[in-house]
PDB file of N, CA and C in Angstrom:
ATOM      1  N   UNK A   1     120.049  81.367  74.575  1.00  0.00           N
ATOM      2  CA  UNK A   1     121.466  81.490  74.994  1.00  0.00           C
ATOM      3  C   UNK A   1     122.230  81.824  73.536  1.00  0.00           C
ATOM      4  N   UNK A   2     123.618  82.305  73.107  1.00  0.00           N
ATOM      5  CA  UNK A   2     124.140  82.445  71.983  1.00  0.00           C
ATOM      6  C   UNK A   2     125.101  81.071  71.859  1.00  0.00           C
ATOM      7  N   UNK A   3     125.502  81.234  70.869  1.00  0.00           N
ATOM      8  CA  UNK A   3     126.297  80.101  70.314  1.00  0.00           C
ATOM      9  C   UNK A   3     127.326  79.606  71.291  1.00  0.00           C
ATOM     10  N   UNK A   4     128.105  80.949  71.658  1.00  0.00           N
ATOM     11  CA  UNK A   4     129.459  81.029  72.342  1.00  0.00           C
ATOM     12  C   UNK A   4     129.086  80.566  73.783  1.00  0.00           C
ATOM     13  N   UNK A   5     127.907  81.320  74.260  1.00  0.00           N
ATOM     14  CA  UNK A   5     127.436  80.678  75.739  1.00  0.00           C
ATOM     15  C   UNK A   5     127.188  79.197  75.594  1.00  0.00           C
ATOM     16  N   UNK A   6     126.690  79.049  74.862  1.00  0.00           N
ATOM     17  CA  UNK A   6     126.384  77.421  74.896  1.00  0.00           C
ATOM     18  C   UNK A   6     127.607  76.182  74.865  1.00  0.00           C
ATOM     19  N   UNK A   7     128.498  76.874  74.058  1.00  0.00           N
ATOM     20  CA  UNK A   7     129.770  75.985  73.632  1.00  0.00           C
ATOM     21  C   UNK A   7     130.614  76.408  74.996  1.00  0.00           C
ATOM     22  N   UNK A   8     130.702  77.479  75.463  1.00  0.00           N
ATOM     23  CA  UNK A   8     131.472  77.690  76.707  1.00  0.00           C
ATOM     24  C   UNK A   8     131.009  76.537  77.972  1.00  0.00           C
ATOM     25  N   UNK A   9     129.643  76.773  78.108  1.00  0.00           N
ATOM     26  CA  UNK A   9     128.784  75.816  78.854  1.00  0.00           C
ATOM     27  C   UNK A   9     128.976  74.359  78.846  1.00  0.00           C
ATOM     28  N   UNK A  10     129.062  74.035  77.543  1.00  0.00           N
ATOM     29  CA  UNK A  10     128.853  72.693  77.202  1.00  0.00           C
ATOM     30  C   UNK A  10     130.676  72.192  77.461  1.00  0.00           C
ATOM     31  N   UNK A  11     131.381  72.782  77.379  1.00  0.00           N
ATOM     32  CA  UNK A  11     132.972  72.723  77.624  1.00  0.00           C
ATOM     33  C   UNK A  11     132.829  72.391  79.246  1.00  0.00           C
ATOM     34  N   UNK A  12     132.462  73.552  80.140  1.00  0.00           N
ATOM     35  CA  UNK A  12     132.703  73.218  81.269  1.00  0.00           C
ATOM     36  C   UNK A  12     132.172  72.139  81.595  1.00  0.00           C
ATOM     37  N   UNK A  13     130.742  71.822  81.508  1.00  0.00           N
ATOM     38  CA  UNK A  13     130.114  70.352  82.014  1.00  0.00           C
ATOM     39  C   UNK A  13     130.852  69.337  81.572  1.00  0.00           C
ATOM     40  N   UNK A  14     131.283  69.355  80.306  1.00  0.00           N
ATOM     41  CA  UNK A  14     132.125  67.841  80.033  1.00  0.00           C
ATOM     42  C   UNK A  14     133.450  67.915  80.873  1.00  0.00           C
ATOM     43  N   UNK A  15     133.998  68.983  80.774  1.00  0.00           N
ATOM     44  CA  UNK A  15     135.253  68.848  81.556  1.00  0.00           C
ATOM     45  C   UNK A  15     135.072  68.500  83.033  1.00  0.00           C
ATOM     46  N   UNK A  16     133.973  68.850  83.482  1.00  0.00           N
ATOM     47  CA  UNK A  16     133.482  67.874  84.732  1.00  0.00           C
ATOM     48  C   UNK A  16     132.833  66.501  84.778  1.00  0.00           C
ATOM     49  N   UNK A  17     133.029  66.046  83.296  1.00  0.00           N
ATOM     50  CA  UNK A  17     132.217  64.784  83.205  1.00  0.00           C
ATOM     51  C   UNK A  17     130.734  64.889  83.468  1.00  0.00           C
ATOM     52  N   UNK A  18     129.909  65.890  83.435  1.00  0.00           N
ATOM     53  CA  UNK A  18     128.649  65.974  83.553  1.00  0.00           C
ATOM     54  C   UNK A  18     127.658  65.975  82.359  1.00  0.00           C
ATOM     55  N   UNK A  19     127.906  64.652  81.662  1.00  0.00           N
ATOM     56  CA  UNK A  19     127.430  64.395  80.354  1.00  0.00           C
ATOM     57  C   UNK A  19     126.225  64.669  80.353  1.00  0.00           C
ATOM     58  N   UNK A  20     125.283  64.079  81.045  1.00  0.00           N
ATOM     59  CA  UNK A  20     123.882  63.873  81.216  1.00  0.00           C
ATOM     60  C   UNK A  20     123.359  65.233  81.731  1.00  0.00           C
ATOM     61  N   UNK A  21     123.998  66.082  82.527  1.00  0.00           N
ATOM     62  CA  UNK A  21     123.572  67.407  82.623  1.00  0.00           C
ATOM     63  C   UNK A  21     123.253  68.507  81.360  1.00  0.00           C
ATOM     64  N   UNK A  22     124.641  68.140  80.573  1.00  0.00           N
ATOM     65  CA  UNK A  22     124.905  68.713  79.534  1.00  0.00           C
ATOM     66  C   UNK A  22     124.030  68.853  78.741  1.00  0.00           C
ATOM     67  N   UNK A  23     123.448  67.524  78.184  1.00  0.00           N
ATOM     68  CA  UNK A  23     122.489  66.825  77.503  1.00  0.00           C
ATOM     69  C   UNK A  23     121.279  67.904  77.649  1.00  0.00           C
ATOM     70  N   UNK A  24     120.669  67.592  79.016  1.00  0.00           N
ATOM     71  CA  UNK A  24     119.314  67.898  79.570  1.00  0.00           C
ATOM     72  C   UNK A  24     119.377  69.504  79.554  1.00  0.00           C
ATOM     73  N   UNK A  25     120.556  69.991  79.737  1.00  0.00           N
ATOM     74  CA  UNK A  25     120.681  71.561  79.978  1.00  0.00           C
ATOM     75  C   UNK A  25     120.549  72.143  78.300  1.00  0.00           C
ATOM     76  N   UNK A  26     121.143  71.833  77.477  1.00  0.00           N
ATOM     77  CA  UNK A  26     121.627  72.692  76.350  1.00  0.00           C
ATOM     78  C   UNK A  26     121.410  72.186  74.952  1.00  0.00           C
ATOM     79  N   UNK A  27     120.442  70.766  75.238  1.00  0.00           N
ATOM     80  CA  UNK A  27     120.197  70.267  73.726  1.00  0.00           C
ATOM     81  C   UNK A  27     118.729  70.462  73.611  1.00  0.00           C
ATOM     82  N   UNK A  28     118.247  70.429  72.502  1.00  0.00           N
ATOM     83  CA  UNK A  28     116.892  70.772  72.126  1.00  0.00           C
ATOM     84  C   UNK A  28     116.226  69.185  71.947  1.00  0.00           C
ATOM     85  N   UNK A  29     114.944  69.236  72.199  1.00  0.00           N
ATOM     86  CA  UNK A  29     114.127  67.578  72.279  1.00  0.00           C
ATOM     87  C   UNK A  29     114.531  67.036  71.098  1.00  0.00           C
ATOM     88  N   UNK A  30     114.366  67.315  69.896  1.00  0.00           N
ATOM     89  CA  UNK A  30     114.809  66.781  68.849  1.00  0.00           C
ATOM     90  C   UNK A  30     116.119  66.909  68.362  1.00  0.00           C
ATOM     91  N   UNK A  31     116.947  66.778  68.983  1.00  0.00           N
ATOM     92  CA  UNK A  31     118.382  67.232  68.401  1.00  0.00           C
ATOM     93  C   UNK A  31     118.920  65.517  68.051  1.00  0.00           C
ATOM     94  N   UNK A  32     119.811  65.542  67.028  1.00  0.00           N
ATOM     95  CA  UNK A  32     120.247  64.525  66.440  1.00  0.00           C
ATOM     96  C   UNK A  32     121.888  64.061  67.000  1.00  0.00           C
ATOM     97  N   UNK A  33     122.116  62.835  67.305  1.00  0.00           N
ATOM     98  CA  UNK A  33     123.454  62.684  67.255  1.00  0.00           C
ATOM     99  C   UNK A  33     124.012  61.619  66.663  1.00  0.00           C
ATOM    100  N   UNK A  34     124.697  62.380  65.684  1.00  0.00           N
ATOM    101  CA  UNK A  34     125.551  61.287  64.242  1.00  0.00           C
ATOM    102  C   UNK A  34     126.877  60.868  64.738  1.00  0.00           C
ATOM    103  N   UNK A  35     126.874  59.617  64.731  1.00  0.00           N
ATOM    104  CA  UNK A  35     128.038  58.721  64.843  1.00  0.00           C
ATOM    105  C   UNK A  35     128.606  58.471  63.412  1.00  0.00           C
ATOM    106  N   UNK A  36     130.016  58.222  63.412  1.00  0.00           N
ATOM    107  CA  UNK A  36     130.776  57.926  62.227  1.00  0.00           C
ATOM    108  C   UNK A  36     129.544  56.482  61.823  1.00  0.00           C
ATOM    109  N   UNK A  37     129.755  56.135  60.556  1.00  0.00           N
ATOM    110  CA  UNK A  37     128.862  54.992  59.913  1.00  0.00           C
ATOM    111  C   UNK A  37     129.008  53.735  60.860  1.00  0.00           C
ATOM    112  N   UNK A  38     130.675  53.305  60.739  1.00  0.00           N
ATOM    113  CA  UNK A  38     131.413  52.103  61.488  1.00  0.00           C
ATOM    114  C   UNK A  38     131.128  51.834  62.912  1.00  0.00           C
ATOM    115  N   UNK A  39     130.713  53.009  63.516  1.00  0.00           N
ATOM    116  CA  UNK A  39     130.461  52.749  65.360  1.00  0.00           C
ATOM    117  C   UNK A  39     129.358  51.644  65.339  1.00  0.00           C
ATOM    118  N   UNK A  40     129.337  50.905  66.286  1.00  0.00           N
ATOM    119  CA  UNK A  40     128.340  50.131  66.557  1.00  0.00           C
ATOM    120  C   UNK A  40     127.268  50.556  67.382  1.00  0.00           C
ATOM    121  N   UNK A  41     127.256  51.759  67.903  1.00  0.00           N
ATOM    122  CA  UNK A  41     126.241  52.386  68.624  1.00  0.00           C
ATOM    123  C   UNK A  41     125.720  53.704  67.383  1.00  0.00           C
ATOM    124  N   UNK A  42     124.542  52.884  66.753  1.00  0.00           N
ATOM    125  CA  UNK A  42     124.224  54.136  65.856  1.00  0.00           C
ATOM    126  C   UNK A  42     123.656  55.670  66.294  1.00  0.00           C
ATOM    127  N   UNK A  43     123.420  56.373  65.170  1.00  0.00           N
ATOM    128  CA  UNK A  43     123.145  57.694  65.540  1.00  0.00           C
ATOM    129  C   UNK A  43     121.758  57.500  66.061  1.00  0.00           C
ATOM    130  N   UNK A  44     121.366  58.261  66.936  1.00  0.00           N
ATOM    131  CA  UNK A  44     120.008  58.464  67.430  1.00  0.00           C
ATOM    132  C   UNK A  44     119.240  60.027  67.257  1.00  0.00           C
ATOM    133  N   UNK A  45     118.158  59.871  67.230  1.00  0.00           N
ATOM    134  CA  UNK A  45     117.300  61.236  67.244  1.00  0.00           C
ATOM    135  C   UNK A  45     116.654  61.381  68.400  1.00  0.00           C
ATOM    136  N   UNK A  46     116.414  62.768  69.034  1.00  0.00           N
ATOM    137  CA  UNK A  46     115.726  63.057  70.052  1.00  0.00           C
ATOM    138  C   UNK A  46     116.632  62.867  71.359  1.00  0.00           C
ATOM    139  N   UNK A  47     116.075  63.758  71.923  1.00  0.00           N
ATOM    140  CA  UNK A  47     117.221  63.695  73.677  1.00  0.00           C
ATOM    141  C   UNK A  47     117.096  62.896  74.453  1.00  0.00           C
ATOM    142  N   UNK A  48     115.862  62.060  74.754  1.00  0.00           N
ATOM    143  CA  UNK A  48     115.345  61.012  75.587  1.00  0.00           C
ATOM    144  C   UNK A  48     116.441  59.788  74.972  1.00  0.00           C
ATOM    145  N   UNK A  49     116.745  59.798  73.579  1.00  0.00           N
ATOM    146  CA  UNK A  49     117.335  58.568  73.000  1.00  0.00           C
ATOM    147  C   UNK A  49     118.876  58.937  73.422  1.00  0.00           C
ATOM    148  N   UNK A  50     119.462  60.252  73.283  1.00  0.00           N
ATOM    149  CA  UNK A  50     120.363  60.633  73.434  1.00  0.00           C
ATOM    150  C   UNK A  50     120.709  60.296  74.991  1.00  0.00           C
ATOM    151  N   UNK A  51     120.111  60.497  75.866  1.00  0.00           N
ATOM    152  CA  UNK A  51     120.152  60.556  77.556  1.00  0.00           C
ATOM    153  C   UNK A  51     120.325  59.022  77.166  1.00  0.00           C
ATOM    154  N   UNK A  52     119.482  57.989  76.942  1.00  0.00           N
ATOM    155  CA  UNK A  52     119.426  56.684  77.321  1.00  0.00           C
ATOM    156  C   UNK A  52     120.926  56.117  76.406  1.00  0.00           C
ATOM    157  N   UNK A  53     121.484  56.719  75.513  1.00  0.00           N
ATOM    158  CA  UNK A  53     122.847  56.220  74.722  1.00  0.00           C
ATOM    159  C   UNK A  53     123.768  56.302  75.898  1.00  0.00           C
ATOM    160  N   UNK A  54     123.843  57.893  76.350  1.00  0.00           N
ATOM    161  CA  UNK A  54     124.830  58.272  77.087  1.00  0.00           C
ATOM    162  C   UNK A  54     124.804  57.322  78.719  1.00  0.00           C
ATOM    163  N   UNK A  55     123.838  57.123  79.174  1.00  0.00           N
ATOM    164  CA  UNK A  55     123.555  56.234  80.462  1.00  0.00           C
ATOM    165  C   UNK A  55     124.185  54.879  79.922  1.00  0.00           C
ATOM    166  N   UNK A  56     124.044  54.135  79.132  1.00  0.00           N
ATOM    167  CA  UNK A  56     124.178  52.855  78.344  1.00  0.00           C
ATOM    168  C   UNK A  56     126.201  52.967  78.559  1.00  0.00           C
ATOM    169  N   UNK A  57     126.720  54.156  77.736  1.00  0.00           N
ATOM    170  CA  UNK A  57     127.864  53.802  77.679  1.00  0.00           C
ATOM    171  C   UNK A  57     128.649  54.450  79.350  1.00  0.00           C
ATOM    172  N   UNK A  58     127.794  55.145  80.295  1.00  0.00           N
ATOM    173  CA  UNK A  58     128.453  55.360  81.410  1.00  0.00           C
ATOM    174  C   UNK A  58     128.458  54.151  82.238  1.00  0.00           C
ATOM    175  N   UNK A  59     127.380  53.411  82.065  1.00  0.00           N
ATOM    176  CA  UNK A  59     127.313  52.159  82.955  1.00  0.00           C
ATOM    177  C   UNK A  59     128.192  51.252  82.931  1.00  0.00           C
ATOM    178  N   UNK A  60     129.280  51.188  81.686  1.00  0.00           N
ATOM    179  CA  UNK A  60     130.378  50.224  81.230  1.00  0.00           C
ATOM    180  C   UNK A  60     131.517  50.835  81.288  1.00  0.00           C
ATOM    181  N   UNK A  61     132.001  52.221  81.819  1.00  0.00           N
ATOM    182  CA  UNK A  61     132.774  52.747  82.222  1.00  0.00           C
ATOM    183  C   UNK A  61     133.583  52.219  83.742  1.00  0.00           C
ATOM    184  N   UNK A  62     134.672  51.506  83.655  1.00  0.00           N
ATOM    185  CA  UNK A  62     134.856  51.196  84.725  1.00  0.00           C
ATOM    186  C   UNK A  62     135.824  51.942  85.521  1.00  0.00           C
ATOM    187  N   UNK A  63     136.539  52.876  84.651  1.00  0.00           N
ATOM    188  CA  UNK A  63     137.861  53.776  85.266  1.00  0.00           C
ATOM    189  C   UNK A  63     138.260  54.904  83.879  1.00  0.00           C
ATOM    190  N   UNK A  64     138.355  56.136  84.449  1.00  0.00           N
ATOM    191  CA  UNK A  64     138.352  57.232  83.375  1.00  0.00           C
ATOM    192  C   UNK A  64     140.088  57.061  83.702  1.00  0.00           C
ATOM    193  N   UNK A  65     140.886  56.901  82.495  1.00  0.00           N
ATOM    194  CA  UNK A  65     142.525  56.901  82.326  1.00  0.00           C
ATOM    195  C   UNK A  65     143.147  58.462  82.011  1.00  0.00           C
ATOM    196  N   UNK A  66     142.093  58.882  81.110  1.00  0.00           N
ATOM    197  CA  UNK A  66     142.218  60.244  80.760  1.00  0.00           C
ATOM    198  C   UNK A  66     141.345  60.606  80.074  1.00  0.00           C
ATOM    199  N   UNK A  67     141.054  62.190  80.325  1.00  0.00           N
ATOM    200  CA  UNK A  67     139.822  62.805  79.206  1.00  0.00           C
ATOM    201  C   UNK A  67     140.339  64.187  79.349  1.00  0.00           C
ATOM    202  N   UNK A  68     139.913  64.802  78.079  1.00  0.00           N
ATOM    203  CA  UNK A  68     140.550  66.242  77.979  1.00  0.00           C
ATOM    204  C   UNK A  68     139.541  66.532  76.535  1.00  0.00           C
ATOM    205  N   UNK A  69     139.278  67.834  77.044  1.00  0.00           N
ATOM    206  CA  UNK A  69     138.060  68.604  76.272  1.00  0.00           C
ATOM    207  C   UNK A  69     139.333  70.095  75.826  1.00  0.00           C
ATOM    208  N   UNK A  70     138.731  70.426  74.488  1.00  0.00           N
ATOM    209  CA  UNK A  70     139.588  71.321  73.886  1.00  0.00           C
ATOM    210  C   UNK A  70     138.839  72.972  74.283  1.00  0.00           C
ATOM    211  N   UNK A  71     139.051  73.901  74.056  1.00  0.00           N
ATOM    212  CA  UNK A  71     138.344  74.903  74.081  1.00  0.00           C
ATOM    213  C   UNK A  71     137.583  74.883  72.828  1.00  0.00           C
ATOM    214  N   UNK A  72     136.303  75.726  72.657  1.00  0.00           N
ATOM    215  CA  UNK A  72     135.641  75.828  71.473  1.00  0.00           C
ATOM    216  C   UNK A  72     136.060  76.342  70.320  1.00  0.00           C
ATOM    217  N   UNK A  73     136.075  76.110  69.431  1.00  0.00           N
ATOM    218  CA  UNK A  73     136.180  77.113  67.897  1.00  0.00           C
ATOM    219  C   UNK A  73     134.323  77.533  67.347  1.00  0.00           C
ATOM    220  N   UNK A  74     134.352  78.905  67.474  1.00  0.00           N
ATOM    221  CA  UNK A  74     132.702  78.821  67.612  1.00  0.00           C
ATOM    222  C   UNK A  74     132.560  79.677  66.410  1.00  0.00           C
ATOM    223  N   UNK A  75     131.532  79.615  65.523  1.00  0.00           N
ATOM    224  CA  UNK A  75     131.162  80.334  64.533  1.00  0.00           C
ATOM    225  C   UNK A  75     129.467  80.815  64.734  1.00  0.00           C
ATOM    226  N   UNK A  76     128.885  81.411  63.696  1.00  0.00           N
ATOM    227  CA  UNK A  76     127.692  81.939  64.094  1.00  0.00           C
ATOM    228  C   UNK A  76     126.907  80.819  64.812  1.00  0.00           C
ATOM    229  N   UNK A  77     126.292  79.686  63.973  1.00  0.00           N
ATOM    230  CA  UNK A  77     125.713  78.805  64.237  1.00  0.00           C
ATOM    231  C   UNK A  77     126.021  77.462  64.662  1.00  0.00           C
ATOM    232  N   UNK A  78     127.425  77.392  64.799  1.00  0.00           N
ATOM    233  CA  UNK A  78     128.211  75.952  64.903  1.00  0.00           C
ATOM    234  C   UNK A  78     129.496  76.182  65.830  1.00  0.00           C
ATOM    235  N   UNK A  79     129.982  75.314  66.370  1.00  0.00           N
ATOM    236  CA  UNK A  79     131.122  74.862  66.858  1.00  0.00           C
ATOM    237  C   UNK A  79     131.736  73.951  67.194  1.00  0.00           C
ATOM    238  N   UNK A  80     133.032  73.704  67.610  1.00  0.00           N
ATOM    239  CA  UNK A  80     133.439  72.057  67.535  1.00  0.00           C
ATOM    240  C   UNK A  80     134.229  72.081  68.564  1.00  0.00           C
ATOM    241  N   UNK A  81     134.662  70.905  69.072  1.00  0.00           N
ATOM    242  CA  UNK A  81     135.594  70.698  70.099  1.00  0.00           C
ATOM    243  C   UNK A  81     136.418  69.682  69.771  1.00  0.00           C
ATOM    244  N   UNK A  82     137.705  69.295  70.377  1.00  0.00           N
ATOM    245  CA  UNK A  82     138.456  67.965  70.165  1.00  0.00           C
ATOM    246  C   UNK A  82     138.364  67.307  71.431  1.00  0.00           C
ATOM    247  N   UNK A  83     137.770  66.280  71.445  1.00  0.00           N
ATOM    248  CA  UNK A  83     137.828  65.542  72.989  1.00  0.00           C
ATOM    249  C   UNK A  83     138.292  64.367  72.954  1.00  0.00           C
ATOM    250  N   UNK A  84     139.235  64.058  73.923  1.00  0.00           N
ATOM    251  CA  UNK A  84     140.227  62.707  74.006  1.00  0.00           C
ATOM    252  C   UNK A  84     139.958  61.998  75.256  1.00  0.00           C
ATOM    253  N   UNK A  85     139.378  60.668  74.786  1.00  0.00           N
ATOM    254  CA  UNK A  85     138.895  60.201  75.959  1.00  0.00           C
ATOM    255  C   UNK A  85     139.437  58.628  75.767  1.00  0.00           C
ATOM    256  N   UNK A  86     140.197  58.331  77.010  1.00  0.00           N
ATOM    257  CA  UNK A  86     140.937  57.005  77.226  1.00  0.00           C
ATOM    258  C   UNK A  86     140.337  56.301  78.686  1.00  0.00           C
ATOM    259  N   UNK A  87     139.392  55.221  78.438  1.00  0.00           N
ATOM    260  CA  UNK A  87     138.806  54.558  79.509  1.00  0.00           C
ATOM    261  C   UNK A  87     138.954  53.224  79.512  1.00  0.00           C
ATOM    262  N   UNK A  88     138.691  52.681  81.007  1.00  0.00           N
ATOM    263  CA  UNK A  88     138.759  50.833  80.645  1.00  0.00           C
ATOM    264  C   UNK A  88     137.218  50.746  80.976  1.00  0.00           C
ATOM    265  N   UNK A  89     136.915  49.708  80.473  1.00  0.00           N
ATOM    266  CA  UNK A  89     135.546  49.232  80.484  1.00  0.00           C
ATOM    267  C   UNK A  89     135.648  48.292  81.661  1.00  0.00           C
ATOM    268  N   UNK A  90     134.519  47.739  82.028  1.00  0.00           N
ATOM    269  CA  UNK A  90     134.011  46.904  82.925  1.00  0.00           C
ATOM    270  C   UNK A  90     134.477  45.643  82.418  1.00  0.00           C
ATOM    271  N   UNK A  91     134.521  45.256  81.467  1.00  0.00           N
ATOM    272  CA  UNK A  91     135.123  44.306  80.766  1.00  0.00           C
ATOM    273  C   UNK A  91     136.584  44.204  80.620  1.00  0.00           C
ATOM    274  N   UNK A  92     137.289  45.306  81.327  1.00  0.00           N
ATOM    275  CA  UNK A  92     138.893  45.450  81.186  1.00  0.00           C
ATOM    276  C   UNK A  92     139.308  45.525  79.722  1.00  0.00           C
ATOM    277  N   UNK A  93     138.569  46.071  78.841  1.00  0.00           N
ATOM    278  CA  UNK A  93     138.974  46.406  77.476  1.00  0.00           C
ATOM    279  C   UNK A  93     139.283  48.003  77.531  1.00  0.00           C
ATOM    280  N   UNK A  94     140.155  48.343  76.977  1.00  0.00           N
ATOM    281  CA  UNK A  94     140.505  50.094  77.153  1.00  0.00           C
ATOM    282  C   UNK A  94     140.106  50.627  75.806  1.00  0.00           C
ATOM    283  N   UNK A  95     139.599  51.886  75.880  1.00  0.00           N
ATOM    284  CA  UNK A  95     138.748  52.467  74.692  1.00  0.00           C
ATOM    285  C   UNK A  95     139.369  53.888  74.823  1.00  0.00           C
ATOM    286  N   UNK A  96     139.886  53.929  73.389  1.00  0.00           N
ATOM    287  CA  UNK A  96     140.832  55.460  73.421  1.00  0.00           C
ATOM    288  C   UNK A  96     140.237  56.014  72.319  1.00  0.00           C
ATOM    289  N   UNK A  97     139.945  57.381  72.278  1.00  0.00           N
ATOM    290  CA  UNK A  97     139.219  57.883  71.262  1.00  0.00           C
ATOM    291  C   UNK A  97     139.651  59.579  71.104  1.00  0.00           C
ATOM    292  N   UNK A  98     140.015  59.884  70.177  1.00  0.00           N
ATOM    293  CA  UNK A  98     140.547  60.836  69.681  1.00  0.00           C
ATOM    294  C   UNK A  98     139.477  61.684  68.920  1.00  0.00           C
ATOM    295  N   UNK A  99     138.772  62.425  68.976  1.00  0.00           N
ATOM    296  CA  UNK A  99     137.842  62.840  67.802  1.00  0.00           C
ATOM    297  C   UNK A  99     137.436  64.029  67.890  1.00  0.00           C
ATOM    298  N   UNK A 100     136.735  64.706  66.812  1.00  0.00           N
ATOM    299  CA  UNK A 100     136.620  66.427  66.895  1.00  0.00           C
ATOM    300  C   UNK A 100     135.123  65.961  66.941  1.00  0.00           C
ATOM    301  N   UNK A 101     134.085  67.098  67.525  1.00  0.00           N
ATOM    302  CA  UNK A 101     132.887  66.986  67.496  1.00  0.00           C
ATOM    303  C   UNK A 101     132.108  68.017  67.057  1.00  0.00           C
ATOM    304  N   UNK A 102     131.080  68.190  66.056  1.00  0.00           N
ATOM    305  CA  UNK A 102     130.668  69.790  65.428  1.00  0.00           C
ATOM    306  C   UNK A 102     129.468  69.551  65.935  1.00  0.00           C
ATOM    307  N   UNK A 103     129.005  70.804  66.567  1.00  0.00           N
ATOM    308  CA  UNK A 103     127.714  70.841  66.943  1.00  0.00           C
ATOM    309  C   UNK A 103     127.005  72.101  66.203  1.00  0.00           C
ATOM    310  N   UNK A 104     125.675  71.562  65.876  1.00  0.00           N
ATOM    311  CA  UNK A 104     125.018  72.985  65.325  1.00  0.00           C
ATOM    312  C   UNK A 104     123.741  73.399  66.206  1.00  0.00           C
ATOM    313  N   UNK A 105     123.788  75.022  66.267  1.00  0.00           N
ATOM    314  CA  UNK A 105     122.858  75.614  67.640  1.00  0.00           C
ATOM    315  C   UNK A 105     121.731  76.458  66.565  1.00  0.00           C
ATOM    316  N   UNK A 106     120.538  76.193  67.284  1.00  0.00           N
ATOM    317  CA  UNK A 106     119.466  76.960  66.650  1.00  0.00           C
ATOM    318  C   UNK A 106     118.458  77.099  67.666  1.00  0.00           C
ATOM    319  N   UNK A 107     117.948  78.716  67.929  1.00  0.00           N
ATOM    320  CA  UNK A 107     117.192  79.059  69.036  1.00  0.00           C
ATOM    321  C   UNK A 107     117.610  78.912  70.164  1.00  0.00           C
ATOM    322  N   UNK A 108     118.875  78.882  70.621  1.00  0.00           N
ATOM    323  CA  UNK A 108     119.337  78.548  72.029  1.00  0.00           C
ATOM    324  C   UNK A 108     119.520  77.294  72.217  1.00  0.00           C
ATOM    325  N   UNK A 109     119.316  76.345  71.434  1.00  0.00           N
ATOM    326  CA  UNK A 109     119.623  75.060  71.816  1.00  0.00           C
ATOM    327  C   UNK A 109     120.684  74.192  70.933  1.00  0.00           C
ATOM    328  N   UNK A 110     121.345  73.147  71.180  1.00  0.00           N
ATOM    329  CA  UNK A 110     122.113  72.142  70.215  1.00  0.00           C
ATOM    330  C   UNK A 110     121.194  71.424  69.507  1.00  0.00           C
ATOM    331  N   UNK A 111     121.176  71.391  68.200  1.00  0.00           N
ATOM    332  CA  UNK A 111     120.137  70.564  67.721  1.00  0.00           C
ATOM    333  C   UNK A 111     120.919  69.330  66.913  1.00  0.00           C
ATOM    334  N   UNK A 112     122.208  69.696  66.847  1.00  0.00           N
ATOM    335  CA  UNK A 112     122.893  68.118  66.159  1.00  0.00           C
ATOM    336  C   UNK A 112     124.386  68.329  66.557  1.00  0.00           C
ATOM    337  N   UNK A 113     124.616  66.832  66.970  1.00  0.00           N
ATOM    338  CA  UNK A 113     125.958  67.109  67.283  1.00  0.00           C
ATOM    339  C   UNK A 113     126.534  65.889  66.497  1.00  0.00           C
ATOM    340  N   UNK A 114     127.861  65.914  65.715  1.00  0.00           N
ATOM    341  CA  UNK A 114     128.252  65.201  64.951  1.00  0.00           C
ATOM    342  C   UNK A 114     129.853  64.489  65.261  1.00  0.00           C
ATOM    343  N   UNK A 115     129.999  63.120  65.403  1.00  0.00           N
ATOM    344  CA  UNK A 115     131.334  62.648  65.948  1.00  0.00           C
ATOM    345  C   UNK A 115     131.971  62.633  64.838  1.00  0.00           C
ATOM    346  N   UNK A 116     133.467  62.720  64.556  1.00  0.00           N
ATOM    347  CA  UNK A 116     134.283  62.520  63.564  1.00  0.00           C
ATOM    348  C   UNK A 116     135.617  61.925  64.341  1.00  0.00           C
ATOM    349  N   UNK A 117     135.923  60.420  63.988  1.00  0.00           N
ATOM    350  CA  UNK A 117     136.585  59.481  64.806  1.00  0.00           C
ATOM    351  C   UNK A 117     136.946  58.405  63.744  1.00  0.00           C
ATOM    352  N   UNK A 118     138.223  57.608  64.204  1.00  0.00           N
ATOM    353  CA  UNK A 118     138.148  56.513  63.417  1.00  0.00           C
ATOM    354  C   UNK A 118     138.000  55.442  64.596  1.00  0.00           C
TER     355      UNK A 118
END
């Protein structure tokens, strides 16, 4: 798959909140997930670790208040999206994240995702 094909498919799946399907379909088995240094859930390496991390997060989401994914901005081997997430967690904490995510593609798969937010 080309970078633009992967980018558009990822956006489509994310907008449908099919996060696990997106990872399983589009990410390489040795992909890297890189969070900002201060984030309590640290960066992980490998698709299996990424899926487990995503499952843990989704397990604690009580309610989706707002979720928005931009169109991708695509170059040869990279693309980025803006994602806005506002959720209520099972402990009733509200989490709002406005982030830019940069993806790197190689051999038809996403090999790295890096999140930028405060």
